[in-house]
């Protein structure tokens, strides 16, 4: 778990903080590869207080039509996809987690937040 916290901190995904009013517990999950994944439990109250984002996904035929005139495409890395979306500074105080090393807030969008899937899709 220390390695994962170090990695997240080195990548500036999380930053240590001393105090916040809103703190979520974490759950540690070991992936099949043996790597530890830190999951945040926002079901303890934050998700109940968040409004759902509305973002309708486009229909596949609309996407194909928009892409039909393009000839160059890129491959994107979707591992840790949510963690590639920056969180506004004023919202970071809601994304504080409690670990054995102290409190951290997320600078990037963590999985587990109710609005994360729609924010990523947008």
PDB file of N, CA and C in Angstrom:
ATOM      1  N   UNK A   1       0.824  -1.189   0.000  1.00  0.00           N
ATOM      2  CA  UNK A   1       0.000   0.000   0.000  1.00  0.00           C
ATOM      3  C   UNK A   1       0.872   1.259   0.000  1.00  0.00           C
ATOM      4  N   UNK A   2       1.987   1.199   0.697  1.00  0.00           N
ATOM      5  CA  UNK A   2       2.896   2.352   0.709  1.00  0.00           C
ATOM      6  C   UNK A   2       3.409   2.662  -0.694  1.00  0.00           C
ATOM      7  N   UNK A   3       3.710   1.627  -1.483  1.00  0.00           N
ATOM      8  CA  UNK A   3       4.185   1.840  -2.850  1.00  0.00           C
ATOM      9  C   UNK A   3       3.137   2.579  -3.685  1.00  0.00           C
ATOM     10  N   UNK A   4       1.883   2.178  -3.525  1.00  0.00           N
ATOM     11  CA  UNK A   4       0.811   2.815  -4.300  1.00  0.00           C
ATOM     12  C   UNK A   4       0.603   4.259  -3.855  1.00  0.00           C
ATOM     13  N   UNK A   5       0.634   4.513  -2.566  1.00  0.00           N
ATOM     14  CA  UNK A   5       0.522   5.893  -2.081  1.00  0.00           C
ATOM     15  C   UNK A   5       1.690   6.735  -2.589  1.00  0.00           C
ATOM     16  N   UNK A   6       2.895   6.169  -2.568  1.00  0.00           N
ATOM     17  CA  UNK A   6       4.063   6.884  -3.093  1.00  0.00           C
ATOM     18  C   UNK A   6       3.901   7.191  -4.579  1.00  0.00           C
ATOM     19  N   UNK A   7       3.394   6.213  -5.336  1.00  0.00           N
ATOM     20  CA  UNK A   7       3.193   6.398  -6.776  1.00  0.00           C
ATOM     21  C   UNK A   7       2.177   7.509  -7.044  1.00  0.00           C
ATOM     22  N   UNK A   8       1.044   7.464  -6.336  1.00  0.00           N
ATOM     23  CA  UNK A   8       0.007   8.479  -6.520  1.00  0.00           C
ATOM     24  C   UNK A   8       0.510   9.865  -6.137  1.00  0.00           C
ATOM     25  N   UNK A   9       1.307   9.926  -5.088  1.00  0.00           N
ATOM     26  CA  UNK A   9       1.851  11.217  -4.660  1.00  0.00           C
ATOM     27  C   UNK A   9       2.908  11.712  -5.658  1.00  0.00           C
ATOM     28  N   UNK A  10       3.764  10.833  -6.140  1.00  0.00           N
ATOM     29  CA  UNK A  10       4.799  11.199  -7.108  1.00  0.00           C
ATOM     30  C   UNK A  10       4.181  11.728  -8.402  1.00  0.00           C
ATOM     31  N   UNK A  11       3.052  11.135  -8.815  1.00  0.00           N
ATOM     32  CA  UNK A  11       2.357  11.561 -10.027  1.00  0.00           C
ATOM     33  C   UNK A  11       1.438  12.763  -9.779  1.00  0.00           C
ATOM     34  N   UNK A  12       1.439  13.264  -8.568  1.00  0.00           N
ATOM     35  CA  UNK A  12       0.626  14.409  -8.136  1.00  0.00           C
ATOM     36  C   UNK A  12      -0.875  14.139  -8.291  1.00  0.00           C
ATOM     37  N   UNK A  13      -1.247  12.892  -8.128  1.00  0.00           N
ATOM     38  CA  UNK A  13      -2.655  12.513  -8.137  1.00  0.00           C
ATOM     39  C   UNK A  13      -3.258  12.808  -6.773  1.00  0.00           C
ATOM     40  N   UNK A  14      -2.461  12.602  -5.720  1.00  0.00           N
ATOM     41  CA  UNK A  14      -2.883  12.934  -4.357  1.00  0.00           C
ATOM     42  C   UNK A  14      -1.845  13.849  -3.727  1.00  0.00           C
ATOM     43  N   UNK A  15      -2.274  14.596  -2.722  1.00  0.00           N
ATOM     44  CA  UNK A  15      -1.367  15.452  -1.945  1.00  0.00           C
ATOM     45  C   UNK A  15      -1.733  15.325  -0.472  1.00  0.00           C
ATOM     46  N   UNK A  16      -0.728  15.308   0.408  1.00  0.00           N
ATOM     47  CA  UNK A  16      -1.026  15.206   1.834  1.00  0.00           C
ATOM     48  C   UNK A  16      -1.679  16.486   2.354  1.00  0.00           C
ATOM     49  N   UNK A  17      -2.593  16.317   3.294  1.00  0.00           N
ATOM     50  CA  UNK A  17      -3.235  17.447   3.969  1.00  0.00           C
ATOM     51  C   UNK A  17      -3.281  17.142   5.458  1.00  0.00           C
ATOM     52  N   UNK A  18      -3.417  18.166   6.264  1.00  0.00           N
ATOM     53  CA  UNK A  18      -3.445  17.946   7.707  1.00  0.00           C
ATOM     54  C   UNK A  18      -4.853  17.789   8.261  1.00  0.00           C
ATOM     55  N   UNK A  19      -5.808  18.563   7.717  1.00  0.00           N
ATOM     56  CA  UNK A  19      -7.154  18.521   8.284  1.00  0.00           C
ATOM     57  C   UNK A  19      -8.177  18.882   7.223  1.00  0.00           C
ATOM     58  N   UNK A  20      -9.284  18.185   7.231  1.00  0.00           N
ATOM     59  CA  UNK A  20     -10.455  18.538   6.441  1.00  0.00           C
ATOM     60  C   UNK A  20     -11.666  18.013   7.174  1.00  0.00           C
ATOM     61  N   UNK A  21     -12.794  18.661   6.969  1.00  0.00           N
ATOM     62  CA  UNK A  21     -14.025  18.250   7.643  1.00  0.00           C
ATOM     63  C   UNK A  21     -14.603  16.977   7.037  1.00  0.00           C
ATOM     64  N   UNK A  22     -14.341  16.751   5.768  1.00  0.00           N
ATOM     65  CA  UNK A  22     -14.940  15.628   5.050  1.00  0.00           C
ATOM     66  C   UNK A  22     -13.849  14.619   4.723  1.00  0.00           C
ATOM     67  N   UNK A  23     -13.929  13.423   5.274  1.00  0.00           N
ATOM     68  CA  UNK A  23     -12.905  12.401   5.033  1.00  0.00           C
ATOM     69  C   UNK A  23     -13.586  11.070   4.733  1.00  0.00           C
ATOM     70  N   UNK A  24     -13.107  10.394   3.704  1.00  0.00           N
ATOM     71  CA  UNK A  24     -13.640   9.087   3.329  1.00  0.00           C
ATOM     72  C   UNK A  24     -12.632   7.999   3.688  1.00  0.00           C
ATOM     73  N   UNK A  25     -13.136   6.841   4.087  1.00  0.00           N
ATOM     74  CA  UNK A  25     -12.230   5.708   4.336  1.00  0.00           C
ATOM     75  C   UNK A  25     -11.801   5.085   3.012  1.00  0.00           C
ATOM     76  N   UNK A  26     -10.781   4.265   3.070  1.00  0.00           N
ATOM     77  CA  UNK A  26     -10.321   3.556   1.873  1.00  0.00           C
ATOM     78  C   UNK A  26     -10.499   2.055   2.057  1.00  0.00           C
ATOM     79  N   UNK A  27     -10.542   1.371   0.939  1.00  0.00           N
ATOM     80  CA  UNK A  27     -10.560  -0.084   0.891  1.00  0.00           C
ATOM     81  C   UNK A  27      -9.409  -0.476  -0.029  1.00  0.00           C
ATOM     82  N   UNK A  28      -8.588  -1.399   0.409  1.00  0.00           N
ATOM     83  CA  UNK A  28      -7.440  -1.825  -0.390  1.00  0.00           C
ATOM     84  C   UNK A  28      -7.782  -3.140  -1.079  1.00  0.00           C
ATOM     85  N   UNK A  29      -7.576  -3.175  -2.400  1.00  0.00           N
ATOM     86  CA  UNK A  29      -7.886  -4.348  -3.203  1.00  0.00           C
ATOM     87  C   UNK A  29      -6.622  -4.780  -3.933  1.00  0.00           C
ATOM     88  N   UNK A  30      -6.327  -6.061  -3.901  1.00  0.00           N
ATOM     89  CA  UNK A  30      -5.179  -6.576  -4.635  1.00  0.00           C
ATOM     90  C   UNK A  30      -5.669  -7.066  -5.999  1.00  0.00           C
ATOM     91  N   UNK A  31      -5.094  -6.497  -7.069  1.00  0.00           N
ATOM     92  CA  UNK A  31      -5.444  -6.903  -8.430  1.00  0.00           C
ATOM     93  C   UNK A  31      -4.862  -8.273  -8.717  1.00  0.00           C
ATOM     94  N   UNK A  32      -5.338  -8.910  -9.784  1.00  0.00           N
ATOM     95  CA  UNK A  32      -4.824 -10.235 -10.144  1.00  0.00           C
ATOM     96  C   UNK A  32      -3.339 -10.183 -10.477  1.00  0.00           C
ATOM     97  N   UNK A  33      -2.851  -9.012 -10.892  1.00  0.00           N
ATOM     98  CA  UNK A  33      -1.432  -8.853 -11.203  1.00  0.00           C
ATOM     99  C   UNK A  33      -0.575  -8.740  -9.941  1.00  0.00           C
ATOM    100  N   UNK A  34      -1.238  -8.632  -8.782  1.00  0.00           N
ATOM    101  CA  UNK A  34      -0.513  -8.493  -7.526  1.00  0.00           C
ATOM    102  C   UNK A  34      -0.374  -7.054  -7.067  1.00  0.00           C
ATOM    103  N   UNK A  35      -0.680  -6.111  -7.946  1.00  0.00           N
ATOM    104  CA  UNK A  35      -0.595  -4.692  -7.600  1.00  0.00           C
ATOM    105  C   UNK A  35      -1.757  -4.320  -6.685  1.00  0.00           C
ATOM    106  N   UNK A  36      -1.486  -3.462  -5.732  1.00  0.00           N
ATOM    107  CA  UNK A  36      -2.509  -3.001  -4.805  1.00  0.00           C
ATOM    108  C   UNK A  36      -3.231  -1.801  -5.401  1.00  0.00           C
ATOM    109  N   UNK A  37      -4.544  -1.790  -5.294  1.00  0.00           N
ATOM    110  CA  UNK A  37      -5.359  -0.669  -5.747  1.00  0.00           C
ATOM    111  C   UNK A  37      -6.064  -0.078  -4.544  1.00  0.00           C
ATOM    112  N   UNK A  38      -5.996   1.230  -4.419  1.00  0.00           N
ATOM    113  CA  UNK A  38      -6.672   1.927  -3.326  1.00  0.00           C
ATOM    114  C   UNK A  38      -8.028   2.396  -3.835  1.00  0.00           C
ATOM    115  N   UNK A  39      -9.079   1.934  -3.196  1.00  0.00           N
ATOM    116  CA  UNK A  39     -10.439   2.337  -3.544  1.00  0.00           C
ATOM    117  C   UNK A  39     -10.981   3.202  -2.415  1.00  0.00           C
ATOM    118  N   UNK A  40     -11.611   4.287  -2.787  1.00  0.00           N
ATOM    119  CA  UNK A  40     -12.160   5.203  -1.802  1.00  0.00           C
ATOM    120  C   UNK A  40     -13.636   4.903  -1.612  1.00  0.00           C
ATOM    121  N   UNK A  41     -14.093   4.929  -0.370  1.00  0.00           N
ATOM    122  CA  UNK A  41     -15.482   4.605  -0.072  1.00  0.00           C
ATOM    123  C   UNK A  41     -16.282   5.885   0.136  1.00  0.00           C
ATOM    124  N   UNK A  42     -16.767   6.454  -0.965  1.00  0.00           N
ATOM    125  CA  UNK A  42     -17.554   7.682  -0.882  1.00  0.00           C
ATOM    126  C   UNK A  42     -19.024   7.402  -0.599  1.00  0.00           C
ATOM    127  N   UNK A  43     -19.379   6.128  -0.407  1.00  0.00           N
ATOM    128  CA  UNK A  43     -20.760   5.788  -0.046  1.00  0.00           C
ATOM    129  C   UNK A  43     -21.057   6.171   1.399  1.00  0.00           C
ATOM    130  N   UNK A  44     -20.046   6.616   2.130  1.00  0.00           N
ATOM    131  CA  UNK A  44     -20.229   7.006   3.535  1.00  0.00           C
ATOM    132  C   UNK A  44     -20.889   8.364   3.673  1.00  0.00           C
ATOM    133  N   UNK A  45     -21.252   8.999   2.572  1.00  0.00           N
ATOM    134  CA  UNK A  45     -21.963  10.269   2.675  1.00  0.00           C
ATOM    135  C   UNK A  45     -21.782  11.197   1.490  1.00  0.00           C
ATOM    136  N   UNK A  46     -20.600  11.274   0.913  1.00  0.00           N
ATOM    137  CA  UNK A  46     -20.360  12.229  -0.166  1.00  0.00           C
ATOM    138  C   UNK A  46     -21.256  11.961  -1.367  1.00  0.00           C
ATOM    139  N   UNK A  47     -21.314  10.714  -1.828  1.00  0.00           N
ATOM    140  CA  UNK A  47     -22.107  10.403  -3.019  1.00  0.00           C
ATOM    141  C   UNK A  47     -23.582  10.730  -2.832  1.00  0.00           C
ATOM    142  N   UNK A  48     -24.094  10.599  -1.609  1.00  0.00           N
ATOM    143  CA  UNK A  48     -25.495  10.934  -1.347  1.00  0.00           C
ATOM    144  C   UNK A  48     -25.767  12.427  -1.507  1.00  0.00           C
ATOM    145  N   UNK A  49     -24.754  13.227  -1.314  1.00  0.00           N
ATOM    146  CA  UNK A  49     -24.920  14.685  -1.367  1.00  0.00           C
ATOM    147  C   UNK A  49     -24.588  15.287  -2.734  1.00  0.00           C
ATOM    148  N   UNK A  50     -23.999  14.499  -3.624  1.00  0.00           N
ATOM    149  CA  UNK A  50     -23.643  14.999  -4.949  1.00  0.00           C
ATOM    150  C   UNK A  50     -24.822  14.897  -5.908  1.00  0.00           C
ATOM    151  N   UNK A  51     -24.926  15.868  -6.790  1.00  0.00           N
ATOM    152  CA  UNK A  51     -25.917  15.789  -7.853  1.00  0.00           C
ATOM    153  C   UNK A  51     -25.340  14.941  -8.979  1.00  0.00           C
ATOM    154  N   UNK A  52     -26.194  14.220  -9.641  1.00  0.00           N
ATOM    155  CA  UNK A  52     -25.742  13.408 -10.775  1.00  0.00           C
ATOM    156  C   UNK A  52     -25.492  14.310 -11.971  1.00  0.00           C
ATOM    157  N   UNK A  53     -24.397  14.056 -12.667  1.00  0.00           N
ATOM    158  CA  UNK A  53     -24.130  14.763 -13.921  1.00  0.00           C
ATOM    159  C   UNK A  53     -24.960  14.128 -15.018  1.00  0.00           C
ATOM    160  N   UNK A  54     -25.476  14.927 -15.899  1.00  0.00           N
ATOM    161  CA  UNK A  54     -26.224  14.419 -17.042  1.00  0.00           C
ATOM    162  C   UNK A  54     -25.370  14.612 -18.287  1.00  0.00           C
ATOM    163  N   UNK A  55     -25.036  13.534 -18.929  1.00  0.00           N
ATOM    164  CA  UNK A  55     -24.298  13.604 -20.176  1.00  0.00           C
ATOM    165  C   UNK A  55     -24.703  12.412 -21.031  1.00  0.00           C
ATOM    166  N   UNK A  56     -25.562  12.651 -22.018  1.00  0.00           N
ATOM    167  CA  UNK A  56     -26.006  11.527 -22.856  1.00  0.00           C
ATOM    168  C   UNK A  56     -24.883  11.076 -23.789  1.00  0.00           C
ATOM    169  N   UNK A  57     -24.670   9.802 -23.840  1.00  0.00           N
ATOM    170  CA  UNK A  57     -23.668   9.252 -24.757  1.00  0.00           C
ATOM    171  C   UNK A  57     -24.184   9.335 -26.189  1.00  0.00           C
ATOM    172  N   UNK A  58     -23.308   9.672 -27.125  1.00  0.00           N
ATOM    173  CA  UNK A  58     -23.750   9.719 -28.522  1.00  0.00           C
ATOM    174  C   UNK A  58     -24.034   8.310 -29.040  1.00  0.00           C
ATOM    175  N   UNK A  59     -24.890   8.236 -30.033  1.00  0.00           N
ATOM    176  CA  UNK A  59     -25.186   6.949 -30.668  1.00  0.00           C
ATOM    177  C   UNK A  59     -23.993   6.523 -31.509  1.00  0.00           C
ATOM    178  N   UNK A  60     -23.733   5.223 -31.585  1.00  0.00           N
ATOM    179  CA  UNK A  60     -22.580   4.749 -32.368  1.00  0.00           C
ATOM    180  C   UNK A  60     -22.571   5.266 -33.804  1.00  0.00           C
ATOM    181  N   UNK A  61     -23.729   5.292 -34.461  1.00  0.00           N
ATOM    182  CA  UNK A  61     -23.763   5.765 -35.854  1.00  0.00           C
ATOM    183  C   UNK A  61     -23.396   7.242 -35.958  1.00  0.00           C
ATOM    184  N   UNK A  62     -23.699   8.043 -34.929  1.00  0.00           N
ATOM    185  CA  UNK A  62     -23.309   9.454 -34.936  1.00  0.00           C
ATOM    186  C   UNK A  62     -21.792   9.600 -34.803  1.00  0.00           C
ATOM    187  N   UNK A  63     -21.195   8.755 -33.990  1.00  0.00           N
ATOM    188  CA  UNK A  63     -19.737   8.785 -33.819  1.00  0.00           C
ATOM    189  C   UNK A  63     -19.053   8.381 -35.130  1.00  0.00           C
ATOM    190  N   UNK A  64     -19.527   7.309 -35.751  1.00  0.00           N
ATOM    191  CA  UNK A  64     -18.950   6.838 -37.008  1.00  0.00           C
ATOM    192  C   UNK A  64     -19.073   7.910 -38.087  1.00  0.00           C
ATOM    193  N   UNK A  65     -20.217   8.581 -38.148  1.00  0.00           N
ATOM    194  CA  UNK A  65     -20.416   9.646 -39.134  1.00  0.00           C
ATOM    195  C   UNK A  65     -19.424  10.778 -38.914  1.00  0.00           C
ATOM    196  N   UNK A  66     -19.223  11.184 -37.660  1.00  0.00           N
ATOM    197  CA  UNK A  66     -18.282  12.264 -37.362  1.00  0.00           C
ATOM    198  C   UNK A  66     -16.846  11.875 -37.700  1.00  0.00           C
ATOM    199  N   UNK A  67     -16.511  10.610 -37.553  1.00  0.00           N
ATOM    200  CA  UNK A  67     -15.142  10.148 -37.786  1.00  0.00           C
ATOM    201  C   UNK A  67     -14.866   9.780 -39.243  1.00  0.00           C
ATOM    202  N   UNK A  68     -15.895   9.723 -40.066  1.00  0.00           N
ATOM    203  CA  UNK A  68     -15.727   9.218 -41.437  1.00  0.00           C
ATOM    204  C   UNK A  68     -14.778  10.055 -42.287  1.00  0.00           C
ATOM    205  N   UNK A  69     -14.605  11.327 -41.998  1.00  0.00           N
ATOM    206  CA  UNK A  69     -13.724  12.184 -42.798  1.00  0.00           C
ATOM    207  C   UNK A  69     -12.296  12.243 -42.268  1.00  0.00           C
ATOM    208  N   UNK A  70     -12.033  11.566 -41.177  1.00  0.00           N
ATOM    209  CA  UNK A  70     -10.694  11.609 -40.584  1.00  0.00           C
ATOM    210  C   UNK A  70      -9.840  10.458 -41.108  1.00  0.00           C
ATOM    211  N   UNK A  71      -8.535  10.708 -41.210  1.00  0.00           N
ATOM    212  CA  UNK A  71      -7.621   9.666 -41.691  1.00  0.00           C
ATOM    213  C   UNK A  71      -6.531   9.330 -40.684  1.00  0.00           C
ATOM    214  N   UNK A  72      -6.315  10.202 -39.701  1.00  0.00           N
ATOM    215  CA  UNK A  72      -5.288   9.972 -38.690  1.00  0.00           C
ATOM    216  C   UNK A  72      -5.977   9.781 -37.339  1.00  0.00           C
ATOM    217  N   UNK A  73      -5.609   8.715 -36.662  1.00  0.00           N
ATOM    218  CA  UNK A  73      -6.193   8.420 -35.356  1.00  0.00           C
ATOM    219  C   UNK A  73      -5.080   8.174 -34.358  1.00  0.00           C
ATOM    220  N   UNK A  74      -5.366   8.395 -33.097  1.00  0.00           N
ATOM    221  CA  UNK A  74      -4.400   8.154 -32.023  1.00  0.00           C
ATOM    222  C   UNK A  74      -4.957   7.110 -31.069  1.00  0.00           C
ATOM    223  N   UNK A  75      -4.049   6.457 -30.432  1.00  0.00           N
ATOM    224  CA  UNK A  75      -4.425   5.509 -29.395  1.00  0.00           C
ATOM    225  C   UNK A  75      -4.248   6.217 -28.056  1.00  0.00           C
ATOM    226  N   UNK A  76      -5.217   6.075 -27.173  1.00  0.00           N
ATOM    227  CA  UNK A  76      -5.098   6.713 -25.865  1.00  0.00           C
ATOM    228  C   UNK A  76      -5.013   5.651 -24.781  1.00  0.00           C
ATOM    229  N   UNK A  77      -4.347   6.001 -23.712  1.00  0.00           N
ATOM    230  CA  UNK A  77      -4.169   5.097 -22.585  1.00  0.00           C
ATOM    231  C   UNK A  77      -5.303   5.330 -21.597  1.00  0.00           C
ATOM    232  N   UNK A  78      -6.153   4.351 -21.402  1.00  0.00           N
ATOM    233  CA  UNK A  78      -7.279   4.499 -20.491  1.00  0.00           C
ATOM    234  C   UNK A  78      -7.052   3.788 -19.157  1.00  0.00           C
ATOM    235  N   UNK A  79      -5.812   3.357 -18.883  1.00  0.00           N
ATOM    236  CA  UNK A  79      -5.553   2.798 -17.564  1.00  0.00           C
ATOM    237  C   UNK A  79      -5.569   3.967 -16.579  1.00  0.00           C
ATOM    238  N   UNK A  80      -6.177   3.771 -15.459  1.00  0.00           N
ATOM    239  CA  UNK A  80      -6.381   4.848 -14.485  1.00  0.00           C
ATOM    240  C   UNK A  80      -7.054   6.045 -15.151  1.00  0.00           C
ATOM    241  N   UNK A  81      -8.055   5.770 -15.974  1.00  0.00           N
ATOM    242  CA  UNK A  81      -8.680   6.802 -16.806  1.00  0.00           C
ATOM    243  C   UNK A  81      -9.182   7.999 -16.001  1.00  0.00           C
ATOM    244  N   UNK A  82      -9.924   7.757 -14.936  1.00  0.00           N
ATOM    245  CA  UNK A  82     -10.459   8.875 -14.149  1.00  0.00           C
ATOM    246  C   UNK A  82      -9.324   9.716 -13.575  1.00  0.00           C
ATOM    247  N   UNK A  83      -8.234   9.048 -13.205  1.00  0.00           N
ATOM    248  CA  UNK A  83      -7.115   9.748 -12.571  1.00  0.00           C
ATOM    249  C   UNK A  83      -6.354  10.647 -13.540  1.00  0.00           C
ATOM    250  N   UNK A  84      -6.825  10.748 -14.771  1.00  0.00           N
ATOM    251  CA  UNK A  84      -6.232  11.656 -15.747  1.00  0.00           C
ATOM    252  C   UNK A  84      -7.019  12.961 -15.874  1.00  0.00           C
ATOM    253  N   UNK A  85      -8.103  13.085 -15.097  1.00  0.00           N
ATOM    254  CA  UNK A  85      -8.956  14.280 -15.153  1.00  0.00           C
ATOM    255  C   UNK A  85      -8.712  15.110 -13.902  1.00  0.00           C
ATOM    256  N   UNK A  86      -8.278  16.342 -14.087  1.00  0.00           N
ATOM    257  CA  UNK A  86      -7.972  17.213 -12.955  1.00  0.00           C
ATOM    258  C   UNK A  86      -9.253  17.691 -12.268  1.00  0.00           C
ATOM    259  N   UNK A  87      -9.207  17.732 -10.945  1.00  0.00           N
ATOM    260  CA  UNK A  87     -10.324  18.209 -10.128  1.00  0.00           C
ATOM    261  C   UNK A  87     -10.088  19.680  -9.808  1.00  0.00           C
ATOM    262  N   UNK A  88     -11.149  20.485  -9.900  1.00  0.00           N
ATOM    263  CA  UNK A  88     -11.025  21.895  -9.535  1.00  0.00           C
ATOM    264  C   UNK A  88     -10.547  21.994  -8.093  1.00  0.00           C
ATOM    265  N   UNK A  89      -9.708  22.984  -7.840  1.00  0.00           N
ATOM    266  CA  UNK A  89      -9.115  23.123  -6.514  1.00  0.00           C
ATOM    267  C   UNK A  89     -10.171  23.246  -5.414  1.00  0.00           C
ATOM    268  N   UNK A  90     -11.253  23.962  -5.683  1.00  0.00           N
ATOM    269  CA  UNK A  90     -12.285  24.157  -4.653  1.00  0.00           C
ATOM    270  C   UNK A  90     -13.026  22.854  -4.314  1.00  0.00           C
ATOM    271  N   UNK A  91     -12.952  21.864  -5.202  1.00  0.00           N
ATOM    272  CA  UNK A  91     -13.636  20.587  -4.967  1.00  0.00           C
ATOM    273  C   UNK A  91     -12.744  19.552  -4.282  1.00  0.00           C
ATOM    274  N   UNK A  92     -11.466  19.807  -4.226  1.00  0.00           N
ATOM    275  CA  UNK A  92     -10.530  18.826  -3.665  1.00  0.00           C
ATOM    276  C   UNK A  92     -10.781  18.564  -2.190  1.00  0.00           C
ATOM    277  N   UNK A  93     -11.319  19.549  -1.499  1.00  0.00           N
ATOM    278  CA  UNK A  93     -11.592  19.374  -0.071  1.00  0.00           C
ATOM    279  C   UNK A  93     -12.652  18.300   0.186  1.00  0.00           C
ATOM    280  N   UNK A  94     -13.426  17.947  -0.832  1.00  0.00           N
ATOM    281  CA  UNK A  94     -14.425  16.887  -0.689  1.00  0.00           C
ATOM    282  C   UNK A  94     -13.838  15.508  -0.930  1.00  0.00           C
ATOM    283  N   UNK A  95     -12.650  15.461  -1.518  1.00  0.00           N
ATOM    284  CA  UNK A  95     -12.046  14.196  -1.932  1.00  0.00           C
ATOM    285  C   UNK A  95     -10.857  13.832  -1.061  1.00  0.00           C
ATOM    286  N   UNK A  96     -11.052  13.898   0.242  1.00  0.00           N
ATOM    287  CA  UNK A  96      -9.997  13.577   1.203  1.00  0.00           C
ATOM    288  C   UNK A  96     -10.180  12.141   1.668  1.00  0.00           C
ATOM    289  N   UNK A  97      -9.066  11.403   1.689  1.00  0.00           N
ATOM    290  CA  UNK A  97      -9.102  10.015   2.144  1.00  0.00           C
ATOM    291  C   UNK A  97      -8.217   9.864   3.386  1.00  0.00           C
ATOM    292  N   UNK A  98      -8.575   8.890   4.192  1.00  0.00           N
ATOM    293  CA  UNK A  98      -7.856   8.591   5.425  1.00  0.00           C
ATOM    294  C   UNK A  98      -7.040   7.327   5.218  1.00  0.00           C
ATOM    295  N   UNK A  99      -5.726   7.432   5.365  1.00  0.00           N
ATOM    296  CA  UNK A  99      -4.848   6.273   5.209  1.00  0.00           C
ATOM    297  C   UNK A  99      -4.044   6.081   6.494  1.00  0.00           C
ATOM    298  N   UNK A 100      -3.291   5.004   6.548  1.00  0.00           N
ATOM    299  CA  UNK A 100      -2.439   4.748   7.712  1.00  0.00           C
ATOM    300  C   UNK A 100      -1.307   5.774   7.807  1.00  0.00           C
ATOM    301  N   UNK A 101      -1.068   6.522   6.728  1.00  0.00           N
ATOM    302  CA  UNK A 101      -0.028   7.554   6.729  1.00  0.00           C
ATOM    303  C   UNK A 101      -0.595   8.954   6.917  1.00  0.00           C
ATOM    304  N   UNK A 102      -1.886   9.048   7.092  1.00  0.00           N
ATOM    305  CA  UNK A 102      -2.513  10.358   7.273  1.00  0.00           C
ATOM    306  C   UNK A 102      -3.515  10.655   6.177  1.00  0.00           C
ATOM    307  N   UNK A 103      -3.894  11.925   6.085  1.00  0.00           N
ATOM    308  CA  UNK A 103      -4.909  12.354   5.137  1.00  0.00           C
ATOM    309  C   UNK A 103      -4.282  12.820   3.822  1.00  0.00           C
ATOM    310  N   UNK A 104      -4.985  12.531   2.731  1.00  0.00           N
ATOM    311  CA  UNK A 104      -4.589  12.989   1.397  1.00  0.00           C
ATOM    312  C   UNK A 104      -5.841  13.504   0.703  1.00  0.00           C
ATOM    313  N   UNK A 105      -5.671  14.514  -0.137  1.00  0.00           N
ATOM    314  CA  UNK A 105      -6.781  14.887  -1.012  1.00  0.00           C
ATOM    315  C   UNK A 105      -6.374  14.595  -2.449  1.00  0.00           C
ATOM    316  N   UNK A 106      -7.367  14.302  -3.259  1.00  0.00           N
ATOM    317  CA  UNK A 106      -7.131  14.009  -4.662  1.00  0.00           C
ATOM    318  C   UNK A 106      -7.032  15.296  -5.463  1.00  0.00           C
ATOM    319  N   UNK A 107      -6.060  15.365  -6.349  1.00  0.00           N
ATOM    320  CA  UNK A 107      -5.927  16.435  -7.324  1.00  0.00           C
ATOM    321  C   UNK A 107      -6.570  16.022  -8.645  1.00  0.00           C
ATOM    322  N   UNK A 108      -6.699  14.725  -8.824  1.00  0.00           N
ATOM    323  CA  UNK A 108      -7.297  14.159 -10.027  1.00  0.00           C
ATOM    324  C   UNK A 108      -8.552  13.388  -9.614  1.00  0.00           C
ATOM    325  N   UNK A 109      -9.447  13.143 -10.550  1.00  0.00           N
ATOM    326  CA  UNK A 109     -10.742  12.532 -10.264  1.00  0.00           C
ATOM    327  C   UNK A 109     -10.590  11.061  -9.872  1.00  0.00           C
ATOM    328  N   UNK A 110     -10.964  10.710  -8.638  1.00  0.00           N
ATOM    329  CA  UNK A 110     -10.835   9.310  -8.228  1.00  0.00           C
ATOM    330  C   UNK A 110     -12.065   8.487  -8.620  1.00  0.00           C
ATOM    331  N   UNK A 111     -11.863   7.202  -8.907  1.00  0.00           N
ATOM    332  CA  UNK A 111     -13.015   6.324  -9.103  1.00  0.00           C
ATOM    333  C   UNK A 111     -13.793   6.239  -7.794  1.00  0.00           C
ATOM    334  N   UNK A 112     -15.074   6.001  -7.878  1.00  0.00           N
ATOM    335  CA  UNK A 112     -15.883   5.874  -6.675  1.00  0.00           C
ATOM    336  C   UNK A 112     -16.754   7.086  -6.416  1.00  0.00           C
ATOM    337  N   UNK A 113     -16.408   8.223  -7.007  1.00  0.00           N
ATOM    338  CA  UNK A 113     -17.238   9.412  -6.881  1.00  0.00           C
ATOM    339  C   UNK A 113     -18.393   9.265  -7.862  1.00  0.00           C
ATOM    340  N   UNK A 114     -19.608   9.537  -7.403  1.00  0.00           N
ATOM    341  CA  UNK A 114     -20.801   9.325  -8.215  1.00  0.00           C
ATOM    342  C   UNK A 114     -20.730  10.016  -9.585  1.00  0.00           C
ATOM    343  N   UNK A 115     -20.126  11.180  -9.645  1.00  0.00           N
ATOM    344  CA  UNK A 115     -20.074  11.949 -10.888  1.00  0.00           C
ATOM    345  C   UNK A 115     -18.924  11.536 -11.812  1.00  0.00           C
ATOM    346  N   UNK A 116     -18.038  10.679 -11.363  1.00  0.00           N
ATOM    347  CA  UNK A 116     -16.829  10.346 -12.134  1.00  0.00           C
ATOM    348  C   UNK A 116     -17.105   9.745 -13.506  1.00  0.00           C
ATOM    349  N   UNK A 117     -17.978   8.746 -13.642  1.00  0.00           N
ATOM    350  CA  UNK A 117     -18.189   8.161 -14.980  1.00  0.00           C
ATOM    351  C   UNK A 117     -18.700   9.180 -16.006  1.00  0.00           C
ATOM    352  N   UNK A 118     -19.661   9.992 -15.615  1.00  0.00           N
ATOM    353  CA  UNK A 118     -20.212  10.982 -16.553  1.00  0.00           C
ATOM    354  C   UNK A 118     -19.193  12.080 -16.852  1.00  0.00           C
ATOM    355  N   UNK A 119     -18.419  12.494 -15.853  1.00  0.00           N
ATOM    356  CA  UNK A 119     -17.393  13.508 -16.086  1.00  0.00           C
ATOM    357  C   UNK A 119     -16.362  12.979 -17.070  1.00  0.00           C
ATOM    358  N   UNK A 120     -15.991  11.711 -16.939  1.00  0.00           N
ATOM    359  CA  UNK A 120     -15.023  11.118 -17.858  1.00  0.00           C
ATOM    360  C   UNK A 120     -15.618  11.005 -19.261  1.00  0.00           C
ATOM    361  N   UNK A 121     -16.867  10.575 -19.376  1.00  0.00           N
ATOM    362  CA  UNK A 121     -17.504  10.438 -20.683  1.00  0.00           C
ATOM    363  C   UNK A 121     -17.569  11.781 -21.403  1.00  0.00           C
ATOM    364  N   UNK A 122     -17.844  12.831 -20.640  1.00  0.00           N
ATOM    365  CA  UNK A 122     -17.933  14.161 -21.255  1.00  0.00           C
ATOM    366  C   UNK A 122     -16.579  14.571 -21.785  1.00  0.00           C
TER     367      UNK A 122
END
